[in-house]
Amino acid sequence: MKSMNKHKLLLASLVASSLLVGCSDSDDNTNNASVFDSYPAEGVFLPYNVLRDDLIDGKSQQPFEIRNGGFGSAMTAHPSDANRFYALTDRGPNATFTGDQGKGKIFPTPDYTPRIALFEVQADGMIEQVDTILLKRPDGSPITGLPNSSALGGTGETPYHADGQPILEDDGQPYDETTNPFALDDYGLDGEGLVALSDGTFWVSDEYGPHIVHFDAEGREIGRINAFTNDDRVDLTLPAEFGNRRANRGMEGLAVTPDEKTLVGIMQSTMYNPGSAVKDLDITRIVTVNLESGDIGQYLYRQEKTQNSNSEIVALSATQFLVIERDGSFLYGGPNGAEAAAPDAQKQVYRIDLASGTNLETIAASGDVEQDAELGLTLSGKTLEEVVLEQGWSALASTGIAPVSKSLVVDMVAEVDYPHDKIEGLWVIDDQHLGVLNDDDFATWATSGELEQKMLDPNTVDGNRLFIVEADLSTD
């Protein structure tokens, strides 16, 4: 692995004096506000290192870099330092691929360990990576990003090496379903949501289970929540319907209420509840987990268009949250060139209020309304997804089921000409400043299963970029 890229990115337009030793809290707040008020509208790229640079770009036929990078799947405020934030990687570099062993993913760095990094926006205008925390099993050994087994949420994705060969328990021997199967990892995570608590521990939600995993300050697992009653690792169990997540669209965002008592997770897109026939919908689910009582709540969110992605959630109060809603397009075309430019690209942040929506877990069975053990709340034997598919949202409204209210906080395309496909991290800095971070996919893309550099335009490799925008985040 190559060493950290030493050039820290100077914010040329930032004018801020050095922080004074021994300054008062009010002086700190003033200096912090000065940093964020002067932050460049075009954002600042985070530092990265190179994981490997020996692969050939399928498009240019030149060597390209797989970068770490990757710190954009989620972000969250440092609990006590206003200039610092944590960011999360997902399972590692990967690309959709179909090989001799069926559909799956290429993992060009299969031993990659998902991780959390601590970053600091410094007063002199540089973004510095301060620390890295590798995620580990309860025994302290590092996890991987390889898929889980089917019993714990795996969806049958075959892991492949960059050369198209399956990743096996023993790569030196031929594949055998019994004696030399695919290399899977029931502790493997495809992390997408991140919470940092004041005691130094973290919660991470992922797209495999989905799992919600508690890690100590050193990254060692100390607790787990998921929907699988046969998993003896869990402390609390989610409603069974969350096990019907769509592959690669699991629990994309995770938040915690200000009192740190309740986790709030949001699913990326419509769950396959009960199956893929409901894929093309605009209904997603939010789940709340009270860590003290174990009480579960569940709410609906209505997207602006079908198959959008809710890719982050962060708390403003006990009931109000910010939620990202986005599509997958590039404003200027990205790796697919200018002809794929999408002027109507959607990269938006909404404010929601759980108090305005119906808590599905509180609806009692009556007549055609039932609480199914595997599918959750059903109406006349149909899941809520099936009801919306067949009859529309009005059918839910007629039974008194309402999604959470939402109001637009910031449109990143209108605000900063946001060029990335993914907006996945939110950092509530104060009640006037919001940090926004993209997922750069480790600067890796694929076309028809061929790996290539992920480009924003012909001259710019995609990278994690922090934007800071002004927004009204007050809750008064």
Protein backbone atom coordinates (compact mmCIF):
# COMPACT_ATOMS: atom_id res chain seq x y z
CA MET A 1 0.00 0.00 0.00
CA LYS A 2 1.32 3.40 -0.88
CA SER A 3 1.68 6.04 1.81
CA MET A 4 -0.89 8.76 2.45
CA ASN A 5 -0.97 11.47 -0.19
CA LYS A 6 0.89 14.18 1.71
CA HIS A 7 -0.51 17.20 -0.06
CA LYS A 8 -3.27 18.53 2.12
CA LEU A 9 -5.66 20.58 0.09
CA LEU A 10 -5.32 24.28 0.85
CA LEU A 11 -8.56 26.16 0.60
CA ALA A 12 -7.32 29.03 -1.49
CA SER A 13 -10.28 31.25 -0.85
CA LEU A 14 -10.38 30.61 2.89
CA VAL A 15 -9.16 33.44 5.09
CA ALA A 16 -8.95 32.47 8.74
CA SER A 17 -6.55 33.31 11.52
CA SER A 18 -4.87 30.63 13.61
CA LEU A 19 -6.72 29.59 16.74
CA LEU A 20 -5.31 31.22 19.85
CA VAL A 21 -4.06 29.10 22.69
CA GLY A 22 -6.30 29.51 25.71
CA CYS A 23 -9.11 31.25 23.80
CA SER A 24 -12.59 31.20 25.26
CA ASP A 25 -15.45 29.00 24.04
CA SER A 26 -17.05 32.05 22.45
CA ASP A 27 -13.81 32.78 20.58
CA ASP A 28 -13.73 29.14 19.40
CA ASN A 29 -17.27 29.45 18.11
CA THR A 30 -16.44 32.70 16.32
CA ASN A 31 -13.34 31.19 14.68
CA ASN A 32 -15.24 28.04 13.69
CA ALA A 33 -17.98 30.15 12.13
CA SER A 34 -15.31 32.08 10.22
CA VAL A 35 -13.87 28.83 8.83
CA PHE A 36 -17.23 27.55 7.68
CA ASP A 37 -18.53 30.89 6.39
CA SER A 38 -15.44 31.21 4.18
CA TYR A 39 -15.43 27.65 2.93
CA PRO A 40 -15.16 27.36 -0.88
CA ALA A 41 -18.48 26.80 -2.61
CA GLU A 42 -16.85 24.24 -4.93
CA GLY A 43 -15.92 22.05 -1.96
CA VAL A 44 -12.61 20.44 -1.04
CA PHE A 45 -11.33 16.96 -1.86
CA LEU A 46 -10.28 14.75 1.03
CA PRO A 47 -6.78 13.21 1.06
CA TYR A 48 -6.42 9.60 -0.09
CA ASN A 49 -3.93 6.80 -0.55
CA VAL A 50 -3.66 4.24 -3.36
CA LEU A 51 -4.73 0.66 -2.72
CA ARG A 52 -3.41 -0.66 -6.04
CA ASP A 53 -2.41 0.76 -9.42
CA ASP A 54 -1.56 -2.32 -11.45
CA LEU A 55 -4.95 -2.95 -13.10
CA ILE A 56 -5.69 -1.88 -16.67
CA ASP A 57 -8.54 0.53 -17.27
CA GLY A 58 -11.08 -1.20 -19.51
CA LYS A 59 -11.81 2.05 -21.31
CA SER A 60 -8.43 3.79 -21.67
CA GLN A 61 -6.31 0.60 -21.63
CA GLN A 62 -3.93 2.38 -19.25
CA PRO A 63 -3.13 1.54 -15.61
CA PHE A 64 -5.48 3.22 -13.14
CA GLU A 65 -5.62 3.81 -9.41
CA ILE A 66 -7.99 2.22 -6.92
CA ARG A 67 -8.02 4.77 -4.15
CA ASN A 68 -8.82 4.79 -0.46
CA GLY A 69 -10.74 7.26 -0.76
CA GLY A 70 -13.97 5.55 -0.24
CA PHE A 71 -14.77 7.62 2.87
CA GLY A 72 -18.16 8.75 1.68
CA SER A 73 -20.70 6.06 2.54
CA ALA A 74 -21.64 8.02 5.66
CA MET A 75 -20.38 10.82 7.86
CA THR A 76 -21.22 12.14 11.29
CA ALA A 77 -20.15 14.91 13.61
CA HIS A 78 -17.46 14.35 16.19
CA PRO A 79 -19.39 14.45 19.49
CA SER A 80 -17.29 17.24 21.02
CA ASP A 81 -15.01 18.84 18.42
CA ALA A 82 -16.82 21.23 16.06
CA ASN A 83 -14.11 21.07 13.39
CA ARG A 84 -13.96 17.28 13.17
CA PHE A 85 -16.14 14.62 11.54
CA TYR A 86 -16.03 10.88 11.10
CA ALA A 87 -16.54 9.20 7.72
CA LEU A 88 -17.17 5.57 6.81
CA THR A 89 -16.17 3.32 3.93
CA ASP A 90 -18.40 0.60 2.57
CA ARG A 91 -17.27 -2.97 1.84
CA GLY A 92 -14.38 -1.83 -0.32
CA PRO A 93 -13.77 -1.44 -4.06
CA ASN A 94 -16.23 -3.56 -6.03
CA ALA A 95 -18.08 -3.73 -9.33
CA THR A 96 -21.01 -5.70 -10.68
CA PHE A 97 -19.84 -8.76 -12.60
CA THR A 98 -21.20 -12.01 -13.99
CA GLY A 99 -18.73 -14.86 -14.29
CA ASP A 100 -18.71 -18.62 -14.59
CA GLN A 101 -20.24 -18.90 -11.12
CA GLY A 102 -23.11 -16.53 -11.82
CA LYS A 103 -23.94 -12.95 -10.85
CA GLY A 104 -21.82 -11.26 -8.26
CA LYS A 105 -19.21 -8.62 -7.58
CA ILE A 106 -15.58 -8.14 -8.44
CA PHE A 107 -13.54 -7.34 -5.31
CA PRO A 108 -10.13 -6.15 -6.62
CA THR A 109 -8.86 -5.88 -3.01
CA PRO A 110 -10.71 -8.79 -1.34
CA ASP A 111 -8.83 -8.49 1.94
CA TYR A 112 -9.93 -4.87 2.37
CA THR A 113 -11.11 -4.02 5.90
CA PRO A 114 -14.01 -1.54 6.12
CA ARG A 115 -13.06 1.41 8.31
CA ILE A 116 -13.93 4.69 9.95
CA ALA A 117 -11.71 7.74 9.57
CA LEU A 118 -11.56 10.94 11.58
CA PHE A 119 -11.06 14.14 9.59
CA GLU A 120 -10.43 17.71 10.65
CA VAL A 121 -11.17 20.97 8.87
CA GLN A 122 -8.27 23.04 10.08
CA ALA A 123 -8.21 26.77 10.67
CA ASP A 124 -5.50 27.27 8.02
CA GLY A 125 -7.72 25.75 5.39
CA MET A 126 -6.53 22.15 5.14
CA ILE A 127 -8.51 18.93 5.56
CA GLU A 128 -6.45 16.37 7.43
CA GLN A 129 -7.10 12.71 8.09
CA VAL A 130 -6.40 12.46 11.81
CA ASP A 131 -7.08 8.81 12.56
CA THR A 132 -8.26 5.51 11.06
CA ILE A 133 -10.22 2.82 12.90
CA LEU A 134 -10.38 -0.63 11.29
CA LEU A 135 -13.57 -2.58 12.00
CA LYS A 136 -13.06 -5.88 13.82
CA ARG A 137 -14.86 -8.99 15.01
CA PRO A 138 -15.49 -9.50 18.73
CA ASP A 139 -12.19 -11.43 18.92
CA GLY A 140 -10.29 -8.42 17.54
CA SER A 141 -9.54 -9.85 14.08
CA PRO A 142 -10.33 -7.55 11.14
CA ILE A 143 -13.56 -8.04 9.21
CA THR A 144 -13.75 -7.96 5.41
CA GLY A 145 -16.31 -6.54 3.03
CA LEU A 146 -17.10 -9.94 1.52
CA PRO A 147 -20.77 -11.01 1.43
CA ASN A 148 -22.63 -12.74 4.26
CA SER A 149 -24.05 -16.22 3.96
CA SER A 150 -27.69 -16.50 2.90
CA ALA A 151 -28.84 -17.31 6.44
CA LEU A 152 -27.70 -13.89 7.62
CA GLY A 153 -28.86 -11.68 4.80
CA GLY A 154 -26.66 -12.67 1.88
CA THR A 155 -28.37 -12.48 -1.50
CA GLY A 156 -26.21 -14.99 -3.34
CA GLU A 157 -23.63 -12.56 -4.69
CA THR A 158 -20.60 -14.52 -5.91
CA PRO A 159 -17.33 -12.78 -4.97
CA TYR A 160 -14.80 -12.57 -7.81
CA HIS A 161 -11.19 -11.51 -8.12
CA ALA A 162 -10.25 -8.78 -10.59
CA ASP A 163 -9.29 -11.48 -13.13
CA GLY A 164 -12.80 -12.94 -13.04
CA GLN A 165 -11.94 -15.99 -10.96
CA PRO A 166 -14.15 -16.66 -7.92
CA ILE A 167 -12.77 -15.83 -4.50
CA LEU A 168 -12.56 -19.16 -2.68
CA GLU A 169 -11.69 -20.33 0.80
CA ASP A 170 -8.51 -21.69 -0.81
CA ASP A 171 -7.73 -19.95 -4.10
CA GLY A 172 -5.07 -22.54 -4.81
CA GLN A 173 -7.64 -25.30 -5.19
CA PRO A 174 -10.64 -25.75 -7.55
CA TYR A 175 -14.08 -24.64 -6.47
CA ASP A 176 -16.16 -27.21 -4.61
CA GLU A 177 -19.44 -26.28 -2.97
CA THR A 178 -18.62 -28.39 0.09
CA THR A 179 -14.86 -28.60 0.47
CA ASN A 180 -13.77 -25.29 -1.11
CA PRO A 181 -16.71 -22.89 -1.31
CA PHE A 182 -16.81 -19.18 -2.05
CA ALA A 183 -15.13 -17.03 0.58
CA LEU A 184 -17.95 -15.41 2.54
CA ASP A 185 -17.81 -13.48 5.81
CA ASP A 186 -20.74 -13.43 8.24
CA TYR A 187 -19.02 -10.52 9.96
CA GLY A 188 -18.53 -8.77 6.62
CA LEU A 189 -20.18 -5.37 6.35
CA ASP A 190 -21.21 -3.12 3.49
CA GLY A 191 -21.36 -0.10 5.78
CA GLU A 192 -23.62 2.82 4.85
CA GLY A 193 -24.74 4.52 8.09
CA LEU A 194 -22.62 5.86 10.95
CA VAL A 195 -23.27 7.18 14.46
CA ALA A 196 -20.53 8.40 16.85
CA LEU A 197 -21.54 8.46 20.52
CA SER A 198 -20.13 10.61 23.30
CA ASP A 199 -18.66 7.52 25.03
CA GLY A 200 -16.35 6.97 22.04
CA THR A 201 -18.26 4.04 20.54
CA PHE A 202 -19.87 3.80 17.10
CA TRP A 203 -22.93 2.26 15.50
CA VAL A 204 -22.75 1.22 11.83
CA SER A 205 -25.65 0.14 9.60
CA ASP A 206 -25.09 -1.80 6.42
CA GLU A 207 -26.58 -3.15 3.19
CA TYR A 208 -25.94 -6.85 3.69
CA GLY A 209 -28.33 -7.82 6.47
CA PRO A 210 -29.13 -5.16 7.05
CA HIS A 211 -27.08 -5.27 10.24
CA ILE A 212 -26.66 -2.51 12.81
CA VAL A 213 -23.39 -3.16 14.63
CA HIS A 214 -21.99 -1.53 17.76
CA PHE A 215 -18.21 -1.02 17.82
CA ASP A 216 -16.00 0.17 20.64
CA ALA A 217 -13.55 3.05 20.24
CA GLU A 218 -10.93 0.69 18.76
CA GLY A 219 -13.35 -0.76 16.22
CA ARG A 220 -14.10 -4.07 17.97
CA GLU A 221 -17.71 -5.34 17.73
CA ILE A 222 -19.56 -5.20 21.05
CA GLY A 223 -23.19 -5.54 19.94
CA ARG A 224 -25.44 -6.26 16.97
CA ILE A 225 -29.01 -5.74 15.80
CA ASN A 226 -30.61 -7.37 12.75
CA ALA A 227 -33.79 -9.10 11.58
CA PHE A 228 -32.54 -12.69 11.87
CA THR A 229 -33.88 -14.53 14.90
CA ASN A 230 -31.43 -17.40 14.33
CA ASP A 231 -28.40 -15.11 14.76
CA ASP A 232 -27.11 -15.70 18.29
CA ARG A 233 -24.95 -12.56 18.09
CA VAL A 234 -27.86 -10.13 18.27
CA ASP A 235 -28.95 -8.08 21.25
CA LEU A 236 -32.17 -6.78 19.65
CA THR A 237 -34.13 -7.98 16.63
CA LEU A 238 -35.56 -5.80 13.88
CA PRO A 239 -38.98 -6.58 12.37
CA ALA A 240 -38.60 -9.57 10.05
CA GLU A 241 -39.65 -7.61 6.95
CA PHE A 242 -36.33 -5.74 7.04
CA GLY A 243 -34.70 -8.98 5.97
CA ASN A 244 -36.49 -8.46 2.64
CA ARG A 245 -34.16 -5.66 1.65
CA ARG A 246 -33.24 -5.23 -2.00
CA ALA A 247 -29.64 -6.21 -2.76
CA ASN A 248 -27.28 -3.22 -2.48
CA ARG A 249 -30.11 -1.06 -1.15
CA GLY A 250 -30.21 -1.86 2.53
CA MET A 251 -30.03 0.40 5.59
CA GLU A 252 -28.32 3.29 3.87
CA GLY A 253 -28.56 5.80 6.72
CA LEU A 254 -28.35 5.70 10.51
CA ALA A 255 -28.88 8.42 13.13
CA VAL A 256 -29.23 8.69 16.87
CA THR A 257 -31.51 11.03 18.79
CA PRO A 258 -29.78 13.83 20.74
CA ASP A 259 -30.21 11.94 24.03
CA GLU A 260 -28.36 8.98 22.43
CA LYS A 261 -31.16 6.60 23.44
CA THR A 262 -32.77 5.81 20.08
CA LEU A 263 -31.22 4.70 16.79
CA VAL A 264 -33.07 5.71 13.62
CA GLY A 265 -32.31 3.88 10.37
CA ILE A 266 -33.62 4.44 6.86
CA MET A 267 -33.75 1.97 3.99
CA GLN A 268 -32.31 3.14 0.68
CA SER A 269 -35.18 2.13 -1.59
CA THR A 270 -38.34 0.06 -1.69
CA MET A 271 -37.80 -3.30 0.00
CA TYR A 272 -38.62 -6.52 -1.83
CA ASN A 273 -41.56 -7.07 0.48
CA PRO A 274 -42.63 -9.66 -0.41
CA GLY A 275 -40.67 -9.82 -3.70
CA SER A 276 -39.11 -7.95 -6.62
CA ALA A 277 -42.48 -7.17 -8.24
CA VAL A 278 -42.64 -4.04 -6.02
CA LYS A 279 -39.22 -2.77 -7.12
CA ASP A 280 -40.38 0.25 -9.13
CA LEU A 281 -41.97 2.20 -6.28
CA ASP A 282 -41.43 5.29 -4.13
CA ILE A 283 -42.09 3.79 -0.69
CA THR A 284 -39.24 3.37 1.79
CA ARG A 285 -39.16 2.57 5.49
CA ILE A 286 -37.67 4.13 8.60
CA VAL A 287 -37.09 2.10 11.77
CA THR A 288 -36.45 3.35 15.30
CA VAL A 289 -34.79 1.26 18.01
CA ASN A 290 -34.84 2.39 21.62
CA LEU A 291 -31.57 1.08 23.03
CA GLU A 292 -32.83 1.13 26.63
CA SER A 293 -36.29 -0.41 26.30
CA GLY A 294 -35.87 -2.33 23.05
CA ASP A 295 -39.04 -0.71 21.69
CA ILE A 296 -39.27 -0.63 17.89
CA GLY A 297 -41.02 1.99 15.75
CA GLN A 298 -41.55 1.99 12.01
CA TYR A 299 -42.55 4.76 9.60
CA LEU A 300 -42.98 5.30 5.86
CA TYR A 301 -41.19 7.83 3.66
CA ARG A 302 -42.51 8.80 0.22
CA GLN A 303 -39.84 9.54 -2.37
CA GLU A 304 -40.09 12.14 -5.11
CA LYS A 305 -39.75 9.53 -7.83
CA THR A 306 -39.59 5.76 -8.04
CA GLN A 307 -36.33 3.93 -7.31
CA ASN A 308 -34.71 6.98 -5.77
CA SER A 309 -32.23 6.46 -2.95
CA ASN A 310 -32.41 7.68 0.64
CA SER A 311 -28.73 7.64 1.45
CA GLU A 312 -28.36 9.39 4.81
CA ILE A 313 -30.29 10.44 7.90
CA VAL A 314 -29.14 12.67 10.77
CA ALA A 315 -31.01 13.96 13.83
CA LEU A 316 -31.94 17.56 14.50
CA SER A 317 -34.18 16.74 17.48
CA ALA A 318 -35.98 13.76 18.98
CA THR A 319 -38.41 13.67 16.03
CA GLN A 320 -36.91 15.90 13.31
CA PHE A 321 -34.25 14.56 10.96
CA LEU A 322 -32.46 15.46 7.77
CA VAL A 323 -32.73 12.86 5.00
CA ILE A 324 -30.89 12.68 1.70
CA GLU A 325 -32.90 11.77 -1.36
CA ARG A 326 -31.07 11.32 -4.63
CA ASP A 327 -31.07 9.61 -7.99
CA GLY A 328 -28.03 7.96 -9.57
CA SER A 329 -27.30 10.38 -12.40
CA PHE A 330 -24.37 12.75 -12.99
CA LEU A 331 -25.13 16.42 -13.65
CA TYR A 332 -22.38 16.52 -16.30
CA GLY A 333 -22.40 12.88 -17.37
CA GLY A 334 -19.54 11.51 -15.27
CA PRO A 335 -17.86 8.34 -16.59
CA ASN A 336 -20.42 8.05 -19.38
CA GLY A 337 -19.41 11.32 -21.00
CA ALA A 338 -21.13 14.61 -21.70
CA GLU A 339 -23.83 12.92 -23.74
CA ALA A 340 -25.08 11.35 -20.48
CA ALA A 341 -25.38 14.72 -18.70
CA ALA A 342 -28.53 14.98 -16.56
CA PRO A 343 -29.58 18.61 -15.98
CA ASP A 344 -32.47 17.37 -13.82
CA ALA A 345 -30.21 15.31 -11.52
CA GLN A 346 -31.71 15.10 -8.03
CA LYS A 347 -29.40 15.53 -5.02
CA GLN A 348 -31.55 16.95 -2.25
CA VAL A 349 -31.74 17.15 1.53
CA TYR A 350 -35.14 17.13 3.23
CA ARG A 351 -36.30 17.76 6.78
CA ILE A 352 -38.71 15.13 8.06
CA ASP A 353 -40.70 14.83 11.28
CA LEU A 354 -41.51 11.37 12.61
CA ALA A 355 -44.27 12.87 14.75
CA SER A 356 -46.23 13.59 11.55
CA GLY A 357 -46.17 9.99 10.32
CA THR A 358 -47.96 6.83 11.41
CA ASN A 359 -45.98 4.46 13.60
CA LEU A 360 -46.78 1.14 11.91
CA GLU A 361 -45.81 -0.82 15.00
CA THR A 362 -48.65 0.76 17.00
CA ILE A 363 -51.44 -0.29 14.62
CA ALA A 364 -53.48 -3.09 16.17
CA ALA A 365 -54.81 -6.02 14.15
CA SER A 366 -58.45 -5.51 13.26
CA GLY A 367 -60.54 -6.84 10.39
CA ASP A 368 -58.41 -6.77 7.23
CA VAL A 369 -55.47 -5.20 9.11
CA GLU A 370 -52.94 -7.69 10.40
CA GLN A 371 -49.41 -7.65 11.82
CA ASP A 372 -47.78 -10.49 9.89
CA ALA A 373 -44.74 -12.04 11.59
CA GLU A 374 -42.72 -12.13 8.34
CA LEU A 375 -44.13 -9.26 6.26
CA GLY A 376 -45.10 -6.67 8.85
CA LEU A 377 -48.33 -4.71 8.65
CA THR A 378 -50.64 -6.03 5.93
CA LEU A 379 -53.96 -4.86 4.53
CA SER A 380 -56.24 -7.61 3.21
CA GLY A 381 -53.22 -9.90 3.09
CA LYS A 382 -51.13 -7.45 1.04
CA THR A 383 -47.89 -5.82 2.20
CA LEU A 384 -47.85 -2.04 2.23
CA GLU A 385 -45.58 -2.15 -0.81
CA GLU A 386 -48.10 -4.29 -2.67
CA VAL A 387 -50.92 -1.94 -1.67
CA VAL A 388 -49.05 1.06 -3.08
CA LEU A 389 -48.22 -0.90 -6.25
CA GLU A 390 -51.81 -1.95 -6.87
CA GLN A 391 -53.84 0.93 -5.44
CA GLY A 392 -51.50 3.86 -4.76
CA TRP A 393 -50.78 5.85 -1.63
CA SER A 394 -54.43 6.87 -1.33
CA ALA A 395 -55.25 3.32 -0.23
CA LEU A 396 -52.93 3.72 2.73
CA ALA A 397 -54.37 7.13 3.54
CA SER A 398 -57.88 5.70 3.59
CA THR A 399 -56.83 3.40 6.43
CA GLY A 400 -55.17 6.22 8.37
CA ILE A 401 -51.57 5.43 7.38
CA ALA A 402 -49.53 8.54 6.58
CA PRO A 403 -45.86 8.88 5.61
CA VAL A 404 -43.66 11.33 7.49
CA SER A 405 -43.88 14.95 6.39
CA LYS A 406 -40.97 16.37 4.43
CA SER A 407 -39.77 19.81 3.37
CA LEU A 408 -36.82 20.74 1.18
CA VAL A 409 -33.77 22.09 3.02
CA VAL A 410 -31.18 22.27 0.23
CA ASP A 411 -30.97 21.27 -3.42
CA MET A 412 -27.28 20.58 -3.97
CA VAL A 413 -27.52 20.81 -7.75
CA ALA A 414 -29.04 24.28 -7.53
CA GLU A 415 -26.75 25.29 -4.68
CA VAL A 416 -23.30 24.19 -5.91
CA ASP A 417 -23.77 22.51 -9.34
CA TYR A 418 -23.16 19.21 -7.58
CA PRO A 419 -21.28 17.04 -10.12
CA HIS A 420 -21.18 13.67 -8.34
CA ASP A 421 -23.64 10.80 -8.71
CA LYS A 422 -23.80 10.01 -5.01
CA ILE A 423 -24.52 12.26 -2.05
CA GLU A 424 -24.25 10.06 1.03
CA GLY A 425 -22.86 11.97 4.01
CA LEU A 426 -24.36 14.72 6.19
CA TRP A 427 -22.59 16.62 8.98
CA VAL A 428 -24.71 18.97 11.08
CA ILE A 429 -22.06 21.52 12.07
CA ASP A 430 -24.39 24.01 13.74
CA ASP A 431 -27.86 25.38 13.08
CA GLN A 432 -26.64 27.30 10.02
CA HIS A 433 -24.01 25.07 8.38
CA LEU A 434 -24.37 21.63 6.83
CA GLY A 435 -21.51 19.44 5.61
CA VAL A 436 -22.23 17.23 2.59
CA LEU A 437 -19.97 14.41 1.38
CA ASN A 438 -20.09 12.17 -1.70
CA ASP A 439 -19.19 8.51 -2.08
CA ASP A 440 -16.46 8.22 -4.72
CA ASP A 441 -16.60 4.38 -4.93
CA PHE A 442 -12.83 4.26 -4.37
CA ALA A 443 -12.47 6.12 -7.71
CA THR A 444 -13.49 2.85 -9.38
CA TRP A 445 -16.15 2.29 -12.05
CA ALA A 446 -17.10 -0.55 -14.35
CA THR A 447 -18.62 -0.83 -17.80
CA SER A 448 -19.96 -4.26 -18.80
CA GLY A 449 -17.93 -5.83 -15.98
CA GLU A 450 -14.66 -4.14 -17.00
CA LEU A 451 -13.03 -2.07 -14.24
CA GLU A 452 -12.02 1.51 -15.01
CA GLN A 453 -11.22 4.81 -13.35
CA LYS A 454 -14.31 6.66 -12.14
CA MET A 455 -14.16 10.05 -13.88
CA LEU A 456 -16.27 13.15 -13.27
CA ASP A 457 -15.11 14.55 -16.59
CA PRO A 458 -12.24 13.71 -18.98
CA ASN A 459 -9.73 15.45 -16.69
CA THR A 460 -11.07 14.82 -13.17
CA VAL A 461 -11.00 11.59 -11.21
CA ASP A 462 -13.90 11.31 -8.79
CA GLY A 463 -12.92 11.71 -5.16
CA ASN A 464 -14.46 12.33 -1.78
CA ARG A 465 -15.33 16.01 -1.67
CA LEU A 466 -16.64 17.92 1.32
CA PHE A 467 -19.10 20.71 0.63
CA ILE A 468 -20.32 23.05 3.35
CA VAL A 469 -23.53 24.93 2.65
CA GLU A 470 -25.63 27.35 4.62
CA ALA A 471 -29.02 26.00 5.69
CA ASP A 472 -31.62 26.64 8.36
CA LEU A 473 -31.21 23.66 10.68
CA SER A 474 -32.89 25.21 13.71
CA THR A 475 -35.69 23.36 15.46
CA ASP A 476 -37.35 26.29 17.28
